Amino acid sequence: LTARGDENVPQRELNRVTAAEQNISLKHKLDALTADLETVKDAQQLTEYDLLHMENRRAGRDKYKTLRQIRGGNTKRRIDQYENM
């Protein structure tokens, strides 16, 4: 793709707003459920993926943030970043 070709590609993830961000009461309910689940989680049953997911959540990373970062640069940088994943 060229720089001109990128102009026509829809970039929905740049403007994405989650349901929890839109609805404050939903966010509070999700936070309460997350806290409840944390209390019953068995630390011995955690997999590598669970640990990776928890680290990504702590760092504030999700798939949409990654897509926004990739879309932020020029085409060559995007390709390099995608290949390094």
Protein backbone atom coordinates (compact mmCIF):
# COMPACT_ATOMS: atom_id res chain seq x y z
CA LEU A 1 0.00 0.00 0.00
CA THR A 2 1.07 3.52 -0.63
CA ALA A 3 0.42 6.53 1.53
CA ARG A 4 -2.38 7.57 -0.80
CA GLY A 5 -3.92 4.10 -0.67
CA ASP A 6 -4.07 4.28 3.11
CA GLU A 7 -6.34 7.32 3.04
CA ASN A 8 -9.32 5.24 1.88
CA VAL A 9 -8.95 2.49 4.49
CA PRO A 10 -11.54 2.83 7.27
CA GLN A 11 -9.94 3.26 10.69
CA ARG A 12 -12.80 2.38 13.02
CA GLU A 13 -10.49 1.38 15.87
CA LEU A 14 -9.23 4.96 16.14
CA ASN A 15 -12.66 6.16 17.30
CA ARG A 16 -13.72 3.04 19.20
CA VAL A 17 -15.39 3.57 22.57
CA THR A 18 -16.21 0.52 24.68
CA ALA A 19 -19.60 -0.01 26.28
CA ALA A 20 -17.98 0.34 29.71
CA GLU A 21 -16.59 3.74 28.75
CA GLN A 22 -20.02 4.90 27.58
CA ASN A 23 -22.00 3.60 30.56
CA ILE A 24 -20.63 4.44 34.02
CA SER A 25 -22.96 2.09 35.92
CA LEU A 26 -21.91 -0.78 33.65
CA LYS A 27 -18.27 0.04 34.37
CA HIS A 28 -18.90 -0.07 38.13
CA LYS A 29 -20.69 -3.43 37.78
CA LEU A 30 -17.82 -4.85 35.73
CA ASP A 31 -15.29 -3.60 38.27
CA ALA A 32 -17.27 -5.24 41.09
CA LEU A 33 -17.49 -8.54 39.20
CA THR A 34 -13.78 -8.41 38.43
CA ALA A 35 -13.01 -7.89 42.12
CA ASP A 36 -15.28 -10.83 43.05
CA LEU A 37 -13.54 -13.07 40.54
CA GLU A 38 -10.12 -12.06 41.84
CA THR A 39 -11.03 -13.38 45.29
CA VAL A 40 -11.91 -16.86 43.99
CA LYS A 41 -9.08 -17.18 41.47
CA ASP A 42 -6.79 -20.16 42.07
CA ALA A 43 -3.21 -18.95 41.62
CA GLN A 44 -1.98 -22.50 41.01
CA GLN A 45 -4.22 -22.89 37.97
CA LEU A 46 -2.90 -19.83 36.10
CA THR A 47 -1.44 -20.50 32.66
CA GLU A 48 1.21 -18.54 30.80
CA TYR A 49 -1.57 -16.89 28.79
CA ASP A 50 -3.33 -15.83 31.99
CA LEU A 51 -0.14 -14.23 33.28
CA LEU A 52 0.47 -12.50 29.94
CA HIS A 53 -3.12 -11.23 29.87
CA MET A 54 -2.86 -9.88 33.42
CA GLU A 55 0.40 -8.10 32.57
CA ASN A 56 -1.18 -6.56 29.46
CA ARG A 57 -4.19 -5.38 31.48
CA ARG A 58 -1.92 -3.81 34.11
CA ALA A 59 -0.02 -2.00 31.36
CA GLY A 60 -3.27 -0.80 29.76
CA ARG A 61 -2.76 -2.71 26.53
CA ASP A 62 -5.56 -4.21 24.48
CA LYS A 63 -5.99 -5.15 20.84
CA TYR A 64 -7.52 -1.80 19.91
CA LYS A 65 -4.67 0.17 21.44
CA THR A 66 -2.22 -1.99 19.48
CA LEU A 67 -4.15 -1.37 16.26
CA ARG A 68 -4.13 2.38 16.91
CA GLN A 69 -0.37 2.30 17.42
CA ILE A 70 0.17 0.34 14.22
CA ARG A 71 -2.06 2.68 12.21
CA GLY A 72 -0.25 5.70 13.63
CA GLY A 73 2.89 5.42 11.52
CA ASN A 74 3.74 5.24 7.87
CA THR A 75 3.36 2.05 5.83
CA LYS A 76 6.94 0.83 6.25
CA ARG A 77 6.77 1.30 10.02
CA ARG A 78 3.45 -0.57 10.15
CA ILE A 79 4.86 -3.50 8.23
CA ASP A 80 7.93 -3.64 10.47
CA GLN A 81 5.81 -3.46 13.61
CA TYR A 82 3.44 -6.18 12.36
CA GLU A 83 6.31 -8.49 11.43
CA ASN A 84 7.88 -8.04 14.88
CA MET A 85 4.71 -9.18 16.70
